[in-house]
Amino acid sequence: MNWYVLYTKPRWEKKTATELERKGIEVYCPMITTVRQWSDRKKKVTSPLFTSYIFVRLKEKDRNLVFSAPGVVRYLFWLGKPAIVRDEEIETIERWLNNDQYEDVQVRSFKPGERVEIQSGPMKGQKGVVKEVGKKEIRLVLESLGYVVTTKLREVQ
């Protein structure tokens, strides 16, 4: 069985994943919790890591089963075929989201367009290109996933 990437309607990731699980399909919708500031309060908000994308694991012949769930738009395609995500990449995302240990790193030395490799931590070995650098966050384009990730990355070389 392979992991496929499903494109969903905007803000339907959680609902679609729940419905697919109810139908017996293995689903992975990576979630992150952030603190949002309103004028009168702060609140922890859980949102999908990849907006409008969820991962489903099923056999090639069962790919059409997902279209009975509300919110599913289409599969993500790569080179004319449905994009397949390796198990190692799903595990890397899970390890990254479950890692609670952070180290401080001076990110001022990174420049947009610079190629970097993560030297330690759960995403060790991932290569990417720096897209933006902030005071506490760095935005990377991860080549193996083909996705832009904003993170408090501390293990970059």
N, C-alpha and C. Protein backbone atom coordinates (compact mmCIF):
# COMPACT_ATOMS: atom_id res chain seq x y z
N MET A 1 0.85 -1.19 0.00
CA MET A 1 0.00 0.00 0.00
C MET A 1 0.88 1.24 0.00
N ASN A 2 0.42 2.25 -0.69
CA ASN A 2 1.17 3.50 -0.82
C ASN A 2 0.43 4.64 -0.13
N TRP A 3 1.22 5.66 0.24
CA TRP A 3 0.65 6.91 0.73
C TRP A 3 0.44 7.83 -0.47
N TYR A 4 -0.77 8.36 -0.61
CA TYR A 4 -1.09 9.30 -1.67
C TYR A 4 -1.45 10.64 -1.03
N VAL A 5 -1.33 11.70 -1.80
CA VAL A 5 -1.66 13.04 -1.31
C VAL A 5 -2.99 13.45 -1.91
N LEU A 6 -3.94 13.81 -1.05
CA LEU A 6 -5.25 14.28 -1.49
C LEU A 6 -5.33 15.79 -1.32
N TYR A 7 -5.87 16.46 -2.32
CA TYR A 7 -6.15 17.88 -2.24
C TYR A 7 -7.60 18.02 -1.80
N THR A 8 -7.84 18.85 -0.78
CA THR A 8 -9.19 19.02 -0.24
C THR A 8 -9.67 20.45 -0.46
N LYS A 9 -10.95 20.63 -0.22
CA LYS A 9 -11.49 21.99 -0.22
C LYS A 9 -10.80 22.77 0.89
N PRO A 10 -10.70 24.09 0.75
CA PRO A 10 -10.06 24.89 1.81
C PRO A 10 -10.77 24.69 3.16
N ARG A 11 -9.98 24.49 4.21
CA ARG A 11 -10.46 24.31 5.58
C ARG A 11 -11.32 23.06 5.78
N TRP A 12 -11.18 22.06 4.92
CA TRP A 12 -11.92 20.81 5.05
C TRP A 12 -11.00 19.65 5.44
N GLU A 13 -9.75 19.92 5.76
CA GLU A 13 -8.79 18.84 6.01
C GLU A 13 -9.25 17.92 7.15
N LYS A 14 -9.59 18.50 8.30
CA LYS A 14 -9.97 17.70 9.46
C LYS A 14 -11.27 16.92 9.21
N LYS A 15 -12.26 17.60 8.64
CA LYS A 15 -13.54 16.94 8.39
C LYS A 15 -13.39 15.80 7.39
N THR A 16 -12.62 16.02 6.34
CA THR A 16 -12.41 15.00 5.32
C THR A 16 -11.65 13.81 5.90
N ALA A 17 -10.61 14.10 6.69
CA ALA A 17 -9.83 13.02 7.31
C ALA A 17 -10.71 12.18 8.23
N THR A 18 -11.55 12.82 9.02
CA THR A 18 -12.45 12.10 9.93
C THR A 18 -13.41 11.21 9.15
N GLU A 19 -13.96 11.71 8.08
CA GLU A 19 -14.90 10.94 7.27
C GLU A 19 -14.20 9.75 6.60
N LEU A 20 -12.99 9.95 6.09
CA LEU A 20 -12.25 8.86 5.46
C LEU A 20 -11.90 7.78 6.49
N GLU A 21 -11.53 8.19 7.70
CA GLU A 21 -11.24 7.22 8.76
C GLU A 21 -12.49 6.42 9.10
N ARG A 22 -13.63 7.09 9.12
CA ARG A 22 -14.90 6.42 9.40
C ARG A 22 -15.19 5.35 8.35
N LYS A 23 -14.73 5.58 7.12
CA LYS A 23 -14.92 4.61 6.04
C LYS A 23 -13.85 3.52 6.03
N GLY A 24 -12.92 3.57 7.00
CA GLY A 24 -11.92 2.52 7.11
C GLY A 24 -10.66 2.76 6.31
N ILE A 25 -10.43 3.99 5.87
CA ILE A 25 -9.24 4.33 5.10
C ILE A 25 -8.21 4.93 6.05
N GLU A 26 -6.96 4.49 5.93
CA GLU A 26 -5.89 5.03 6.77
C GLU A 26 -5.54 6.44 6.29
N VAL A 27 -5.63 7.41 7.21
CA VAL A 27 -5.45 8.82 6.88
C VAL A 27 -4.42 9.43 7.82
N TYR A 28 -3.63 10.35 7.28
CA TYR A 28 -2.71 11.12 8.12
C TYR A 28 -2.87 12.59 7.75
N CYS A 29 -3.31 13.36 8.73
CA CYS A 29 -3.47 14.80 8.56
C CYS A 29 -2.62 15.46 9.64
N PRO A 30 -1.35 15.79 9.33
CA PRO A 30 -0.47 16.36 10.36
C PRO A 30 -1.00 17.72 10.84
N MET A 31 -1.08 17.85 12.18
CA MET A 31 -1.62 19.06 12.78
C MET A 31 -0.57 19.75 13.64
N ILE A 32 -0.64 21.08 13.69
CA ILE A 32 0.23 21.85 14.56
C ILE A 32 -0.63 22.77 15.42
N THR A 33 -0.13 23.06 16.60
CA THR A 33 -0.83 23.96 17.51
C THR A 33 -0.03 25.25 17.62
N THR A 34 -0.70 26.35 17.38
CA THR A 34 -0.07 27.65 17.48
C THR A 34 -0.90 28.54 18.41
N VAL A 35 -0.27 29.56 18.94
CA VAL A 35 -0.97 30.52 19.79
C VAL A 35 -1.34 31.71 18.91
N ARG A 36 -2.62 32.01 18.85
CA ARG A 36 -3.10 33.15 18.06
C ARG A 36 -3.49 34.28 18.99
N GLN A 37 -3.15 35.49 18.58
CA GLN A 37 -3.43 36.68 19.40
C GLN A 37 -4.62 37.43 18.79
N TRP A 38 -5.68 37.59 19.58
CA TRP A 38 -6.77 38.46 19.22
C TRP A 38 -6.63 39.73 20.06
N SER A 39 -7.44 40.70 19.80
CA SER A 39 -7.32 41.96 20.53
C SER A 39 -7.60 41.78 22.02
N ASP A 40 -8.44 40.82 22.37
CA ASP A 40 -8.82 40.66 23.77
C ASP A 40 -8.28 39.39 24.44
N ARG A 41 -7.66 38.47 23.66
CA ARG A 41 -7.19 37.22 24.27
C ARG A 41 -6.20 36.49 23.36
N LYS A 42 -5.56 35.51 23.97
CA LYS A 42 -4.72 34.58 23.23
C LYS A 42 -5.39 33.21 23.28
N LYS A 43 -5.23 32.46 22.19
CA LYS A 43 -5.88 31.16 22.15
C LYS A 43 -4.99 30.18 21.39
N LYS A 44 -4.93 28.94 21.88
CA LYS A 44 -4.23 27.89 21.15
C LYS A 44 -5.15 27.37 20.06
N VAL A 45 -4.62 27.33 18.84
CA VAL A 45 -5.41 26.89 17.70
C VAL A 45 -4.68 25.73 17.02
N THR A 46 -5.40 24.65 16.76
CA THR A 46 -4.84 23.51 16.05
C THR A 46 -5.24 23.61 14.59
N SER A 47 -4.24 23.56 13.71
CA SER A 47 -4.50 23.66 12.28
C SER A 47 -3.62 22.69 11.52
N PRO A 48 -4.01 22.36 10.29
CA PRO A 48 -3.21 21.42 9.49
C PRO A 48 -1.84 22.01 9.15
N LEU A 49 -0.83 21.16 9.14
CA LEU A 49 0.51 21.57 8.75
C LEU A 49 0.55 21.95 7.28
N PHE A 50 -0.11 21.15 6.45
CA PHE A 50 -0.19 21.41 5.01
C PHE A 50 -1.63 21.79 4.68
N THR A 51 -1.86 23.05 4.38
CA THR A 51 -3.22 23.49 4.10
C THR A 51 -3.74 22.85 2.81
N SER A 52 -4.96 22.34 2.89
CA SER A 52 -5.68 21.70 1.79
C SER A 52 -5.08 20.37 1.34
N TYR A 53 -4.20 19.76 2.15
CA TYR A 53 -3.63 18.46 1.80
C TYR A 53 -3.75 17.49 2.97
N ILE A 54 -4.10 16.25 2.65
CA ILE A 54 -4.05 15.16 3.61
C ILE A 54 -3.42 13.95 2.91
N PHE A 55 -2.94 13.01 3.69
CA PHE A 55 -2.31 11.81 3.14
C PHE A 55 -3.22 10.62 3.41
N VAL A 56 -3.38 9.75 2.41
CA VAL A 56 -4.17 8.53 2.57
C VAL A 56 -3.31 7.35 2.15
N ARG A 57 -3.47 6.25 2.88
CA ARG A 57 -2.71 5.04 2.56
C ARG A 57 -3.69 3.97 2.12
N LEU A 58 -3.57 3.57 0.87
CA LEU A 58 -4.44 2.55 0.33
C LEU A 58 -3.83 1.89 -0.90
N LYS A 59 -4.48 0.84 -1.37
CA LYS A 59 -4.00 0.13 -2.55
C LYS A 59 -4.39 0.92 -3.80
N GLU A 60 -3.62 0.72 -4.85
CA GLU A 60 -3.86 1.41 -6.13
C GLU A 60 -5.29 1.20 -6.61
N LYS A 61 -5.79 -0.02 -6.49
CA LYS A 61 -7.14 -0.32 -7.00
C LYS A 61 -8.24 0.34 -6.17
N ASP A 62 -7.94 0.77 -4.95
CA ASP A 62 -8.94 1.38 -4.08
C ASP A 62 -8.91 2.91 -4.09
N ARG A 63 -8.13 3.50 -5.00
CA ARG A 63 -7.97 4.95 -4.99
C ARG A 63 -9.27 5.72 -5.17
N ASN A 64 -10.24 5.19 -5.86
CA ASN A 64 -11.49 5.91 -6.10
C ASN A 64 -12.42 5.95 -4.89
N LEU A 65 -12.14 5.15 -3.86
CA LEU A 65 -12.99 5.13 -2.66
C LEU A 65 -13.02 6.48 -1.96
N VAL A 66 -11.96 7.27 -2.09
CA VAL A 66 -11.87 8.53 -1.34
C VAL A 66 -12.86 9.58 -1.85
N PHE A 67 -13.31 9.45 -3.08
CA PHE A 67 -14.17 10.49 -3.65
C PHE A 67 -15.58 10.48 -3.09
N SER A 68 -15.93 9.47 -2.30
CA SER A 68 -17.25 9.46 -1.66
C SER A 68 -17.27 10.33 -0.40
N ALA A 69 -16.11 10.76 0.06
CA ALA A 69 -16.03 11.61 1.26
C ALA A 69 -16.19 13.08 0.87
N PRO A 70 -16.93 13.84 1.65
CA PRO A 70 -17.07 15.27 1.35
C PRO A 70 -15.75 15.99 1.55
N GLY A 71 -15.48 16.95 0.68
CA GLY A 71 -14.29 17.77 0.80
C GLY A 71 -13.14 17.34 -0.08
N VAL A 72 -13.17 16.11 -0.61
CA VAL A 72 -12.09 15.64 -1.48
C VAL A 72 -12.24 16.29 -2.85
N VAL A 73 -11.16 16.91 -3.33
CA VAL A 73 -11.18 17.54 -4.65
C VAL A 73 -10.52 16.63 -5.67
N ARG A 74 -9.27 16.25 -5.40
CA ARG A 74 -8.53 15.40 -6.35
C ARG A 74 -7.26 14.91 -5.70
N TYR A 75 -6.60 14.00 -6.38
CA TYR A 75 -5.28 13.57 -5.97
C TYR A 75 -4.25 14.58 -6.47
N LEU A 76 -3.14 14.68 -5.76
CA LEU A 76 -2.02 15.49 -6.22
C LEU A 76 -1.22 14.63 -7.19
N PHE A 77 -0.92 15.18 -8.36
CA PHE A 77 -0.19 14.43 -9.37
C PHE A 77 1.23 14.94 -9.51
N TRP A 78 2.14 14.03 -9.86
CA TRP A 78 3.54 14.34 -10.11
C TRP A 78 3.96 13.60 -11.36
N LEU A 79 4.37 14.32 -12.40
CA LEU A 79 4.78 13.75 -13.67
C LEU A 79 3.69 12.87 -14.28
N GLY A 80 2.45 13.32 -14.19
CA GLY A 80 1.33 12.63 -14.81
C GLY A 80 0.79 11.44 -14.03
N LYS A 81 1.32 11.15 -12.87
CA LYS A 81 0.87 10.04 -12.05
C LYS A 81 0.52 10.56 -10.66
N PRO A 82 -0.38 9.86 -9.95
CA PRO A 82 -0.66 10.29 -8.58
C PRO A 82 0.62 10.29 -7.76
N ALA A 83 0.84 11.37 -7.02
CA ALA A 83 2.05 11.50 -6.21
C ALA A 83 2.03 10.46 -5.09
N ILE A 84 3.13 9.72 -4.96
CA ILE A 84 3.28 8.73 -3.89
C ILE A 84 4.32 9.25 -2.91
N VAL A 85 3.96 9.21 -1.63
CA VAL A 85 4.85 9.66 -0.57
C VAL A 85 5.40 8.41 0.11
N ARG A 86 6.72 8.37 0.26
CA ARG A 86 7.35 7.21 0.89
C ARG A 86 7.04 7.18 2.39
N ASP A 87 7.05 5.98 2.94
CA ASP A 87 6.81 5.80 4.37
C ASP A 87 7.81 6.61 5.20
N GLU A 88 9.07 6.68 4.73
CA GLU A 88 10.10 7.41 5.47
C GLU A 88 9.76 8.90 5.58
N GLU A 89 9.14 9.45 4.54
CA GLU A 89 8.79 10.87 4.57
C GLU A 89 7.65 11.13 5.55
N ILE A 90 6.68 10.23 5.61
CA ILE A 90 5.59 10.35 6.58
C ILE A 90 6.16 10.24 7.99
N GLU A 91 7.07 9.29 8.20
CA GLU A 91 7.70 9.13 9.51
C GLU A 91 8.52 10.35 9.89
N THR A 92 9.18 10.97 8.92
CA THR A 92 9.94 12.19 9.19
C THR A 92 9.03 13.31 9.65
N ILE A 93 7.90 13.47 9.02
CA ILE A 93 6.93 14.50 9.42
C ILE A 93 6.45 14.22 10.84
N GLU A 94 6.13 12.95 11.13
CA GLU A 94 5.65 12.59 12.47
C GLU A 94 6.71 12.87 13.54
N ARG A 95 7.97 12.48 13.25
CA ARG A 95 9.05 12.73 14.21
C ARG A 95 9.23 14.23 14.42
N TRP A 96 9.17 14.99 13.35
CA TRP A 96 9.36 16.43 13.44
C TRP A 96 8.26 17.06 14.30
N LEU A 97 7.02 16.64 14.10
CA LEU A 97 5.92 17.20 14.88
C LEU A 97 5.95 16.77 16.34
N ASN A 98 6.51 15.60 16.62
CA ASN A 98 6.56 15.10 17.99
C ASN A 98 7.79 15.55 18.75
N ASN A 99 8.71 16.25 18.09
CA ASN A 99 9.94 16.68 18.74
C ASN A 99 9.66 17.95 19.55
N ASP A 100 9.84 17.83 20.86
CA ASP A 100 9.60 18.97 21.74
C ASP A 100 10.88 19.66 22.17
N GLN A 101 12.03 19.12 21.77
CA GLN A 101 13.30 19.70 22.20
C GLN A 101 13.79 20.68 21.14
N TYR A 102 14.03 21.89 21.57
CA TYR A 102 14.49 22.92 20.65
C TYR A 102 15.78 23.52 21.17
N GLU A 103 16.65 23.84 20.27
CA GLU A 103 17.90 24.51 20.61
C GLU A 103 17.92 25.85 19.88
N ASP A 104 18.53 26.84 20.49
CA ASP A 104 18.63 28.14 19.84
C ASP A 104 19.78 28.16 18.86
N VAL A 105 19.55 28.79 17.73
CA VAL A 105 20.58 28.93 16.69
C VAL A 105 20.48 30.35 16.16
N GLN A 106 21.60 30.93 15.87
CA GLN A 106 21.61 32.26 15.26
C GLN A 106 21.29 32.11 13.78
N VAL A 107 20.12 32.59 13.34
CA VAL A 107 19.72 32.40 11.95
C VAL A 107 20.06 33.60 11.08
N ARG A 108 20.70 34.62 11.64
CA ARG A 108 21.04 35.80 10.86
C ARG A 108 22.00 35.50 9.71
N SER A 109 22.78 34.42 9.84
CA SER A 109 23.76 34.12 8.81
C SER A 109 23.14 33.47 7.57
N PHE A 110 21.89 33.03 7.66
CA PHE A 110 21.26 32.40 6.51
C PHE A 110 20.69 33.46 5.58
N LYS A 111 20.80 33.21 4.29
CA LYS A 111 20.29 34.14 3.29
C LYS A 111 19.33 33.42 2.36
N PRO A 112 18.28 34.08 1.91
CA PRO A 112 17.36 33.46 0.95
C PRO A 112 18.11 32.96 -0.29
N GLY A 113 17.74 31.76 -0.71
CA GLY A 113 18.38 31.14 -1.86
C GLY A 113 19.52 30.20 -1.48
N GLU A 114 19.96 30.27 -0.23
CA GLU A 114 21.07 29.43 0.22
C GLU A 114 20.58 27.99 0.39
N ARG A 115 21.39 27.03 -0.06
CA ARG A 115 21.07 25.62 0.08
C ARG A 115 21.59 25.14 1.43
N VAL A 116 20.75 24.43 2.19
CA VAL A 116 21.12 23.98 3.52
C VAL A 116 20.76 22.50 3.69
N GLU A 117 21.40 21.88 4.66
CA GLU A 117 21.07 20.50 5.04
C GLU A 117 20.92 20.47 6.55
N ILE A 118 19.89 19.80 7.01
CA ILE A 118 19.65 19.69 8.44
C ILE A 118 20.59 18.62 8.98
N GLN A 119 21.40 19.01 9.97
CA GLN A 119 22.46 18.15 10.49
C GLN A 119 22.06 17.28 11.67
N SER A 120 21.02 17.67 12.40
CA SER A 120 20.62 16.88 13.56
C SER A 120 19.13 17.05 13.79
N GLY A 121 18.59 16.25 14.69
CA GLY A 121 17.17 16.33 15.00
C GLY A 121 16.35 15.39 14.14
N PRO A 122 15.04 15.47 14.24
CA PRO A 122 14.16 14.52 13.56
C PRO A 122 14.17 14.65 12.04
N MET A 123 14.58 15.78 11.51
CA MET A 123 14.61 15.97 10.06
C MET A 123 16.03 15.88 9.51
N LYS A 124 16.91 15.22 10.24
CA LYS A 124 18.30 15.07 9.85
C LYS A 124 18.40 14.52 8.42
N GLY A 125 19.27 15.16 7.63
CA GLY A 125 19.50 14.70 6.27
C GLY A 125 18.61 15.37 5.23
N GLN A 126 17.55 16.04 5.65
CA GLN A 126 16.68 16.73 4.70
C GLN A 126 17.42 17.93 4.13
N LYS A 127 17.31 18.12 2.83
CA LYS A 127 17.96 19.25 2.17
C LYS A 127 16.90 20.22 1.70
N GLY A 128 17.26 21.49 1.73
CA GLY A 128 16.30 22.50 1.31
C GLY A 128 16.97 23.79 0.93
N VAL A 129 16.13 24.71 0.49
CA VAL A 129 16.59 26.03 0.09
C VAL A 129 15.90 27.04 1.00
N VAL A 130 16.68 27.96 1.56
CA VAL A 130 16.13 28.99 2.44
C VAL A 130 15.28 29.94 1.60
N LYS A 131 14.02 30.11 2.02
CA LYS A 131 13.13 31.03 1.30
C LYS A 131 13.06 32.37 2.03
N GLU A 132 12.87 32.32 3.35
CA GLU A 132 12.80 33.54 4.16
C GLU A 132 13.44 33.27 5.51
N VAL A 133 13.98 34.32 6.11
CA VAL A 133 14.58 34.20 7.44
C VAL A 133 13.96 35.27 8.33
N GLY A 134 13.44 34.82 9.47
CA GLY A 134 12.90 35.75 10.45
C GLY A 134 13.76 35.70 11.70
N LYS A 135 13.30 36.39 12.75
CA LYS A 135 14.07 36.41 13.99
C LYS A 135 14.05 35.06 14.69
N LYS A 136 12.90 34.38 14.66
CA LYS A 136 12.78 33.11 15.36
C LYS A 136 12.42 31.96 14.44
N GLU A 137 12.07 32.25 13.20
CA GLU A 137 11.65 31.21 12.28
C GLU A 137 12.42 31.30 10.97
N ILE A 138 12.48 30.18 10.31
CA ILE A 138 13.11 30.12 9.00
C ILE A 138 12.17 29.35 8.08
N ARG A 139 12.00 29.81 6.89
CA ARG A 139 11.13 29.15 5.93
C ARG A 139 12.01 28.45 4.91
N LEU A 140 11.83 27.13 4.80
CA LEU A 140 12.63 26.31 3.90
C LEU A 140 11.74 25.65 2.85
N VAL A 141 12.27 25.50 1.65
CA VAL A 141 11.65 24.67 0.63
C VAL A 141 12.34 23.32 0.73
N LEU A 142 11.62 22.30 1.23
CA LEU A 142 12.19 20.97 1.36
C LEU A 142 12.09 20.26 0.02
N GLU A 143 13.23 19.94 -0.55
CA GLU A 143 13.28 19.37 -1.89
C GLU A 143 12.60 18.02 -1.97
N SER A 144 12.82 17.15 -0.98
CA SER A 144 12.27 15.80 -1.06
C SER A 144 10.75 15.79 -0.95
N LEU A 145 10.19 16.76 -0.22
CA LEU A 145 8.74 16.84 -0.08
C LEU A 145 8.12 17.78 -1.09
N GLY A 146 8.93 18.67 -1.66
CA GLY A 146 8.40 19.65 -2.60
C GLY A 146 7.44 20.62 -1.94
N TYR A 147 7.72 20.98 -0.69
CA TYR A 147 6.80 21.82 0.06
C TYR A 147 7.57 22.87 0.84
N VAL A 148 6.94 23.99 1.10
CA VAL A 148 7.56 25.04 1.89
C VAL A 148 7.15 24.84 3.35
N VAL A 149 8.14 24.83 4.24
CA VAL A 149 7.89 24.61 5.66
C VAL A 149 8.43 25.79 6.44
N THR A 150 7.60 26.35 7.32
CA THR A 150 8.05 27.39 8.23
C THR A 150 8.22 26.74 9.59
N THR A 151 9.40 26.88 10.16
CA THR A 151 9.68 26.19 11.41
C THR A 151 10.67 26.98 12.25
N LYS A 152 10.72 26.62 13.51
CA LYS A 152 11.75 27.16 14.40
C LYS A 152 12.92 26.19 14.31
N LEU A 153 13.59 26.20 13.19
CA LEU A 153 14.63 25.23 12.88
C LEU A 153 15.94 25.61 13.54
N ARG A 154 16.52 24.64 14.24
CA ARG A 154 17.75 24.91 14.96
C ARG A 154 18.92 24.06 14.54
N GLU A 155 18.72 23.09 13.68
CA GLU A 155 19.79 22.16 13.34
C GLU A 155 20.26 22.30 11.89
N VAL A 156 20.34 23.51 11.39
CA VAL A 156 20.70 23.73 9.98
C VAL A 156 22.17 24.04 9.83
N GLN A 157 22.78 23.53 8.78
CA GLN A 157 24.18 23.82 8.44
C GLN A 157 24.23 24.31 7.01
